[in-house]
Amino acid sequence: MWYEIARMPVIFEKDLVLVTANYSLKKDGGVKVVNEGFKFSKDGKYAGVTGKAKFAGTPDVGHLRVSFFGPFYSDYIIVELDPEYQWALVAGISHDYLWILARTPALDPAILDRLVKRAAELGFDTGRLIYVKQE
């Protein structure tokens, strides 16, 4: 399970807290993606969606094409990944999509700051980042 630490604002995650993402390999070689969260608080309305993903290239390259809504796919590119898989910086092709994910509900502030700076270097308006409530 990955916890969403920060994200760019996107309509399909509006007002969500306690957001997690789960990725699992399917028998056909694709990837099952399950995103879950709650509106405003842990007592809020549950919001979950299951999608599918395929590798944009070979499975050893961190680039997925993800679909939650029919035939429409978006690129999820792992820009930075902790060697021990404890955090990741994931971006889309456009500057509209960016996530900082971690294996725990909180991320070391120094790591978070470094990832935010990296996102800014890549041209993201990090002033728009939403820091996701995870408790």
N, C-alpha and C. Protein backbone atom coordinates (compact mmCIF):
# COMPACT_ATOMS: atom_id res chain seq x y z
N MET A 1 0.84 -1.17 0.00
CA MET A 1 0.00 0.00 0.00
C MET A 1 0.89 1.25 0.00
N TRP A 2 0.46 2.24 -0.78
CA TRP A 2 1.13 3.53 -0.83
C TRP A 2 0.19 4.59 -0.27
N TYR A 3 0.71 5.45 0.57
CA TYR A 3 -0.05 6.57 1.11
C TYR A 3 0.26 7.81 0.29
N GLU A 4 -0.77 8.55 -0.03
CA GLU A 4 -0.58 9.79 -0.78
C GLU A 4 -0.20 10.89 0.21
N ILE A 5 1.01 11.38 0.07
CA ILE A 5 1.52 12.42 0.96
C ILE A 5 1.17 13.80 0.42
N ALA A 6 1.31 13.97 -0.87
CA ALA A 6 0.99 15.26 -1.51
C ALA A 6 0.58 14.99 -2.95
N ARG A 7 -0.21 15.93 -3.50
CA ARG A 7 -0.66 15.79 -4.89
C ARG A 7 -0.98 17.16 -5.46
N MET A 8 -0.97 17.24 -6.77
CA MET A 8 -1.51 18.39 -7.45
C MET A 8 -3.03 18.26 -7.41
N PRO A 9 -3.76 19.37 -7.40
CA PRO A 9 -5.22 19.26 -7.36
C PRO A 9 -5.76 18.66 -8.66
N VAL A 10 -6.57 17.64 -8.50
CA VAL A 10 -7.25 17.00 -9.63
C VAL A 10 -8.70 16.77 -9.22
N ILE A 11 -9.60 16.92 -10.16
CA ILE A 11 -11.03 16.87 -9.86
C ILE A 11 -11.45 15.54 -9.25
N PHE A 12 -10.84 14.44 -9.69
CA PHE A 12 -11.27 13.14 -9.19
C PHE A 12 -10.77 12.83 -7.79
N GLU A 13 -9.94 13.71 -7.21
CA GLU A 13 -9.51 13.55 -5.82
C GLU A 13 -9.90 14.75 -4.96
N LYS A 14 -10.82 15.55 -5.45
CA LYS A 14 -11.22 16.77 -4.74
C LYS A 14 -11.72 16.44 -3.33
N ASP A 15 -11.14 17.11 -2.34
CA ASP A 15 -11.52 17.01 -0.93
C ASP A 15 -11.23 15.65 -0.29
N LEU A 16 -10.45 14.80 -0.94
CA LEU A 16 -10.16 13.49 -0.36
C LEU A 16 -9.00 13.54 0.63
N VAL A 17 -9.16 12.81 1.72
CA VAL A 17 -8.12 12.63 2.72
C VAL A 17 -7.92 11.12 2.90
N LEU A 18 -6.91 10.76 3.67
CA LEU A 18 -6.62 9.35 3.92
C LEU A 18 -6.56 8.55 2.62
N VAL A 19 -5.89 9.12 1.64
CA VAL A 19 -5.84 8.52 0.30
C VAL A 19 -4.71 7.50 0.23
N THR A 20 -5.05 6.33 -0.31
CA THR A 20 -4.06 5.29 -0.53
C THR A 20 -4.18 4.77 -1.96
N ALA A 21 -3.11 4.15 -2.42
CA ALA A 21 -3.09 3.51 -3.73
C ALA A 21 -2.46 2.14 -3.58
N ASN A 22 -3.09 1.17 -4.21
CA ASN A 22 -2.56 -0.19 -4.22
C ASN A 22 -2.38 -0.63 -5.67
N TYR A 23 -1.22 -1.18 -5.95
CA TYR A 23 -0.90 -1.67 -7.29
C TYR A 23 -0.59 -3.16 -7.18
N SER A 24 -1.18 -3.97 -8.05
CA SER A 24 -0.87 -5.40 -8.03
C SER A 24 -0.85 -5.93 -9.47
N LEU A 25 0.06 -6.85 -9.70
CA LEU A 25 0.18 -7.46 -11.03
C LEU A 25 -0.98 -8.41 -11.29
N LYS A 26 -1.49 -8.34 -12.49
CA LYS A 26 -2.56 -9.24 -12.91
C LYS A 26 -1.95 -10.38 -13.72
N LYS A 27 -2.69 -11.47 -13.84
CA LYS A 27 -2.19 -12.64 -14.57
C LYS A 27 -1.90 -12.33 -16.03
N ASP A 28 -2.61 -11.37 -16.60
CA ASP A 28 -2.41 -11.03 -18.01
C ASP A 28 -1.21 -10.12 -18.25
N GLY A 29 -0.47 -9.79 -17.17
CA GLY A 29 0.70 -8.94 -17.30
C GLY A 29 0.42 -7.47 -17.05
N GLY A 30 -0.84 -7.11 -16.91
CA GLY A 30 -1.21 -5.74 -16.59
C GLY A 30 -1.13 -5.48 -15.09
N VAL A 31 -1.61 -4.33 -14.69
CA VAL A 31 -1.56 -3.93 -13.30
C VAL A 31 -2.96 -3.48 -12.87
N LYS A 32 -3.39 -3.98 -11.73
CA LYS A 32 -4.63 -3.52 -11.11
C LYS A 32 -4.28 -2.35 -10.19
N VAL A 33 -5.06 -1.27 -10.28
CA VAL A 33 -4.81 -0.08 -9.47
C VAL A 33 -6.07 0.21 -8.67
N VAL A 34 -5.93 0.32 -7.35
CA VAL A 34 -7.07 0.65 -6.49
C VAL A 34 -6.70 1.89 -5.69
N ASN A 35 -7.44 2.96 -5.91
CA ASN A 35 -7.26 4.20 -5.16
C ASN A 35 -8.45 4.38 -4.23
N GLU A 36 -8.18 4.76 -2.97
CA GLU A 36 -9.24 4.92 -1.99
C GLU A 36 -8.99 6.14 -1.13
N GLY A 37 -10.06 6.73 -0.64
CA GLY A 37 -9.96 7.86 0.27
C GLY A 37 -11.33 8.18 0.84
N PHE A 38 -11.41 9.26 1.59
CA PHE A 38 -12.65 9.70 2.22
C PHE A 38 -12.81 11.20 2.02
N LYS A 39 -14.05 11.64 1.85
CA LYS A 39 -14.34 13.06 1.69
C LYS A 39 -14.15 13.77 3.03
N PHE A 40 -13.27 14.72 3.08
CA PHE A 40 -13.03 15.65 4.19
C PHE A 40 -12.44 15.03 5.45
N SER A 41 -12.88 13.84 5.89
CA SER A 41 -12.38 13.24 7.13
C SER A 41 -12.59 11.72 7.08
N LYS A 42 -12.03 11.02 8.07
CA LYS A 42 -12.18 9.56 8.09
C LYS A 42 -13.64 9.15 8.29
N ASP A 43 -14.46 10.07 8.76
CA ASP A 43 -15.89 9.79 8.92
C ASP A 43 -16.69 10.21 7.70
N GLY A 44 -16.01 10.74 6.69
CA GLY A 44 -16.68 11.21 5.48
C GLY A 44 -17.03 10.07 4.55
N LYS A 45 -17.64 10.43 3.46
CA LYS A 45 -18.07 9.46 2.46
C LYS A 45 -16.85 8.78 1.82
N TYR A 46 -16.90 7.45 1.76
CA TYR A 46 -15.85 6.67 1.13
C TYR A 46 -15.84 6.93 -0.37
N ALA A 47 -14.65 7.05 -0.94
CA ALA A 47 -14.49 7.20 -2.38
C ALA A 47 -13.40 6.23 -2.82
N GLY A 48 -13.76 5.31 -3.66
CA GLY A 48 -12.79 4.35 -4.16
C GLY A 48 -13.01 4.09 -5.63
N VAL A 49 -11.93 3.81 -6.31
CA VAL A 49 -12.01 3.52 -7.73
C VAL A 49 -10.96 2.47 -8.07
N THR A 50 -11.36 1.53 -8.91
CA THR A 50 -10.43 0.51 -9.39
C THR A 50 -10.16 0.76 -10.86
N GLY A 51 -8.90 0.76 -11.19
CA GLY A 51 -8.51 0.98 -12.57
C GLY A 51 -7.57 -0.10 -13.05
N LYS A 52 -7.09 0.12 -14.25
CA LYS A 52 -6.15 -0.83 -14.84
C LYS A 52 -4.98 -0.03 -15.40
N ALA A 53 -3.87 -0.70 -15.50
CA ALA A 53 -2.68 -0.06 -16.05
C ALA A 53 -1.94 -1.06 -16.91
N LYS A 54 -1.19 -0.52 -17.83
CA LYS A 54 -0.30 -1.34 -18.64
C LYS A 54 1.05 -0.64 -18.67
N PHE A 55 2.08 -1.41 -18.87
CA PHE A 55 3.41 -0.83 -18.93
C PHE A 55 3.58 -0.08 -20.25
N ALA A 56 4.10 1.13 -20.16
CA ALA A 56 4.32 1.94 -21.36
C ALA A 56 5.47 1.37 -22.19
N GLY A 57 6.37 0.71 -21.53
CA GLY A 57 7.50 0.06 -22.19
C GLY A 57 7.67 -1.31 -21.55
N THR A 58 8.87 -1.60 -21.14
CA THR A 58 9.13 -2.87 -20.46
C THR A 58 8.82 -2.72 -18.98
N PRO A 59 8.48 -3.82 -18.30
CA PRO A 59 8.10 -3.75 -16.89
C PRO A 59 9.18 -3.23 -15.95
N ASP A 60 10.44 -3.20 -16.40
CA ASP A 60 11.51 -2.71 -15.54
C ASP A 60 11.69 -1.19 -15.62
N VAL A 61 10.84 -0.52 -16.39
CA VAL A 61 10.88 0.94 -16.51
C VAL A 61 9.65 1.48 -15.77
N GLY A 62 9.83 2.45 -14.93
CA GLY A 62 8.75 2.99 -14.12
C GLY A 62 7.82 3.93 -14.87
N HIS A 63 7.12 3.39 -15.85
CA HIS A 63 6.19 4.21 -16.65
C HIS A 63 4.96 3.36 -16.95
N LEU A 64 3.84 3.76 -16.34
CA LEU A 64 2.57 3.07 -16.57
C LEU A 64 1.63 3.95 -17.36
N ARG A 65 0.73 3.32 -18.07
CA ARG A 65 -0.41 4.00 -18.70
C ARG A 65 -1.62 3.51 -17.91
N VAL A 66 -2.28 4.41 -17.17
CA VAL A 66 -3.32 4.06 -16.22
C VAL A 66 -4.67 4.57 -16.71
N SER A 67 -5.70 3.73 -16.53
CA SER A 67 -7.06 4.10 -16.91
C SER A 67 -8.03 3.80 -15.77
N PHE A 68 -8.80 4.79 -15.40
CA PHE A 68 -9.89 4.61 -14.45
C PHE A 68 -11.23 4.80 -15.14
N PHE A 69 -11.21 5.45 -16.28
CA PHE A 69 -12.45 5.86 -16.93
C PHE A 69 -12.46 5.40 -18.39
N GLY A 70 -12.87 4.16 -18.60
CA GLY A 70 -13.02 3.67 -19.96
C GLY A 70 -11.73 3.58 -20.74
N PRO A 71 -11.77 4.03 -21.98
CA PRO A 71 -10.61 3.87 -22.85
C PRO A 71 -9.54 4.96 -22.68
N PHE A 72 -9.73 5.85 -21.72
CA PHE A 72 -8.81 6.99 -21.56
C PHE A 72 -7.68 6.62 -20.61
N TYR A 73 -6.45 6.78 -21.08
CA TYR A 73 -5.26 6.45 -20.29
C TYR A 73 -4.44 7.69 -20.00
N SER A 74 -3.81 7.71 -18.82
CA SER A 74 -2.89 8.78 -18.43
C SER A 74 -1.55 8.15 -18.09
N ASP A 75 -0.51 8.91 -18.31
CA ASP A 75 0.83 8.43 -17.99
C ASP A 75 1.15 8.67 -16.52
N TYR A 76 1.68 7.65 -15.88
CA TYR A 76 2.20 7.74 -14.52
C TYR A 76 3.68 7.37 -14.64
N ILE A 77 4.53 8.35 -14.42
CA ILE A 77 5.97 8.14 -14.59
C ILE A 77 6.65 8.29 -13.24
N ILE A 78 7.37 7.26 -12.83
CA ILE A 78 8.13 7.35 -11.59
C ILE A 78 9.37 8.18 -11.86
N VAL A 79 9.38 9.37 -11.29
CA VAL A 79 10.49 10.30 -11.49
C VAL A 79 11.63 9.98 -10.53
N GLU A 80 11.27 9.68 -9.30
CA GLU A 80 12.26 9.28 -8.29
C GLU A 80 11.66 8.18 -7.45
N LEU A 81 12.50 7.22 -7.09
CA LEU A 81 12.06 6.09 -6.28
C LEU A 81 13.14 5.75 -5.27
N ASP A 82 12.73 5.65 -4.02
CA ASP A 82 13.66 5.25 -2.97
C ASP A 82 14.19 3.85 -3.28
N PRO A 83 15.49 3.62 -3.15
CA PRO A 83 16.05 2.30 -3.43
C PRO A 83 15.40 1.19 -2.60
N GLU A 84 14.83 1.54 -1.45
CA GLU A 84 14.18 0.55 -0.60
C GLU A 84 12.65 0.62 -0.72
N TYR A 85 12.17 1.31 -1.75
CA TYR A 85 10.73 1.41 -2.06
C TYR A 85 9.91 1.99 -0.91
N GLN A 86 10.45 3.00 -0.22
CA GLN A 86 9.71 3.62 0.88
C GLN A 86 9.00 4.89 0.45
N TRP A 87 9.38 5.47 -0.67
CA TRP A 87 8.72 6.67 -1.19
C TRP A 87 8.93 6.75 -2.70
N ALA A 88 8.06 7.55 -3.34
CA ALA A 88 8.17 7.73 -4.79
C ALA A 88 7.62 9.10 -5.17
N LEU A 89 8.19 9.67 -6.20
CA LEU A 89 7.69 10.88 -6.83
C LEU A 89 7.17 10.46 -8.20
N VAL A 90 5.87 10.64 -8.42
CA VAL A 90 5.21 10.17 -9.63
C VAL A 90 4.60 11.36 -10.35
N ALA A 91 4.83 11.44 -11.65
CA ALA A 91 4.33 12.58 -12.43
C ALA A 91 3.63 12.09 -13.69
N GLY A 92 2.81 12.96 -14.23
CA GLY A 92 2.21 12.71 -15.52
C GLY A 92 3.02 13.40 -16.60
N ILE A 93 2.59 13.27 -17.83
CA ILE A 93 3.25 13.95 -18.94
C ILE A 93 3.07 15.46 -18.82
N SER A 94 1.87 15.88 -18.43
CA SER A 94 1.62 17.31 -18.24
C SER A 94 1.96 17.68 -16.79
N HIS A 95 1.99 18.95 -16.52
CA HIS A 95 2.26 19.41 -15.16
C HIS A 95 1.00 19.44 -14.31
N ASP A 96 -0.06 18.78 -14.76
CA ASP A 96 -1.31 18.70 -14.00
C ASP A 96 -1.32 17.54 -13.02
N TYR A 97 -0.43 16.59 -13.21
CA TYR A 97 -0.45 15.38 -12.39
C TYR A 97 0.89 15.18 -11.69
N LEU A 98 0.82 15.10 -10.37
CA LEU A 98 2.02 14.87 -9.57
C LEU A 98 1.58 14.29 -8.23
N TRP A 99 2.26 13.24 -7.80
CA TRP A 99 1.99 12.65 -6.50
C TRP A 99 3.31 12.36 -5.79
N ILE A 100 3.30 12.57 -4.50
CA ILE A 100 4.37 12.09 -3.63
C ILE A 100 3.74 11.01 -2.78
N LEU A 101 4.29 9.80 -2.89
CA LEU A 101 3.74 8.63 -2.22
C LEU A 101 4.76 8.06 -1.24
N ALA A 102 4.26 7.42 -0.19
CA ALA A 102 5.14 6.79 0.79
C ALA A 102 4.49 5.51 1.30
N ARG A 103 5.29 4.62 1.83
CA ARG A 103 4.79 3.36 2.39
C ARG A 103 4.20 3.54 3.78
N THR A 104 4.40 4.71 4.37
CA THR A 104 3.86 5.04 5.69
C THR A 104 3.04 6.32 5.57
N PRO A 105 2.13 6.57 6.51
CA PRO A 105 1.26 7.76 6.41
C PRO A 105 1.99 9.10 6.52
N ALA A 106 3.24 9.07 6.97
CA ALA A 106 4.03 10.30 7.07
C ALA A 106 5.38 10.06 6.41
N LEU A 107 5.95 11.15 5.90
CA LEU A 107 7.25 11.07 5.24
C LEU A 107 8.20 12.01 5.95
N ASP A 108 9.42 11.57 6.13
CA ASP A 108 10.44 12.41 6.75
C ASP A 108 10.43 13.79 6.09
N PRO A 109 10.32 14.87 6.87
CA PRO A 109 10.24 16.21 6.29
C PRO A 109 11.40 16.56 5.34
N ALA A 110 12.59 16.08 5.63
CA ALA A 110 13.74 16.36 4.76
C ALA A 110 13.56 15.70 3.40
N ILE A 111 13.04 14.48 3.39
CA ILE A 111 12.79 13.79 2.12
C ILE A 111 11.67 14.50 1.36
N LEU A 112 10.61 14.85 2.07
CA LEU A 112 9.50 15.55 1.44
C LEU A 112 9.97 16.86 0.82
N ASP A 113 10.75 17.63 1.56
CA ASP A 113 11.28 18.89 1.02
C ASP A 113 12.10 18.66 -0.24
N ARG A 114 12.94 17.62 -0.22
CA ARG A 114 13.78 17.33 -1.39
C ARG A 114 12.92 16.96 -2.60
N LEU A 115 11.87 16.17 -2.37
CA LEU A 115 11.00 15.77 -3.48
C LEU A 115 10.21 16.96 -4.03
N VAL A 116 9.78 17.85 -3.15
CA VAL A 116 9.08 19.06 -3.60
C VAL A 116 10.02 19.93 -4.43
N LYS A 117 11.26 20.07 -3.99
CA LYS A 117 12.25 20.84 -4.76
C LYS A 117 12.51 20.19 -6.12
N ARG A 118 12.57 18.88 -6.14
CA ARG A 118 12.78 18.17 -7.42
C ARG A 118 11.61 18.42 -8.36
N ALA A 119 10.40 18.40 -7.82
CA ALA A 119 9.21 18.67 -8.64
C ALA A 119 9.27 20.09 -9.21
N ALA A 120 9.70 21.04 -8.40
CA ALA A 120 9.83 22.42 -8.87
C ALA A 120 10.87 22.50 -9.99
N GLU A 121 11.98 21.78 -9.85
CA GLU A 121 13.00 21.76 -10.91
C GLU A 121 12.44 21.21 -12.21
N LEU A 122 11.46 20.33 -12.12
CA LEU A 122 10.84 19.74 -13.30
C LEU A 122 9.76 20.63 -13.89
N GLY A 123 9.53 21.79 -13.26
CA GLY A 123 8.57 22.74 -13.80
C GLY A 123 7.19 22.71 -13.16
N PHE A 124 6.99 21.93 -12.11
CA PHE A 124 5.70 21.89 -11.43
C PHE A 124 5.55 23.11 -10.53
N ASP A 125 4.35 23.65 -10.48
CA ASP A 125 4.02 24.76 -9.57
C ASP A 125 3.74 24.16 -8.20
N THR A 126 4.77 23.97 -7.42
CA THR A 126 4.63 23.26 -6.15
C THR A 126 3.85 24.06 -5.11
N GLY A 127 3.60 25.32 -5.36
CA GLY A 127 2.72 26.10 -4.50
C GLY A 127 1.29 25.60 -4.55
N ARG A 128 0.96 24.84 -5.57
CA ARG A 128 -0.39 24.28 -5.71
C ARG A 128 -0.54 22.91 -5.05
N LEU A 129 0.55 22.35 -4.53
CA LEU A 129 0.47 21.02 -3.93
C LEU A 129 -0.51 20.99 -2.77
N ILE A 130 -1.26 19.91 -2.70
CA ILE A 130 -2.15 19.64 -1.58
C ILE A 130 -1.46 18.59 -0.73
N TYR A 131 -1.25 18.89 0.55
CA TYR A 131 -0.64 17.94 1.48
C TYR A 131 -1.79 17.15 2.11
N VAL A 132 -1.81 15.87 1.86
CA VAL A 132 -2.95 15.03 2.18
C VAL A 132 -2.95 14.63 3.66
N LYS A 133 -4.07 14.88 4.31
CA LYS A 133 -4.27 14.48 5.70
C LYS A 133 -4.34 12.95 5.73
N GLN A 134 -3.49 12.33 6.56
CA GLN A 134 -3.46 10.87 6.63
C GLN A 134 -3.84 10.34 8.02
N GLU A 135 -4.35 11.19 8.90
CA GLU A 135 -4.77 10.71 10.22
C GLU A 135 -6.11 11.28 10.57
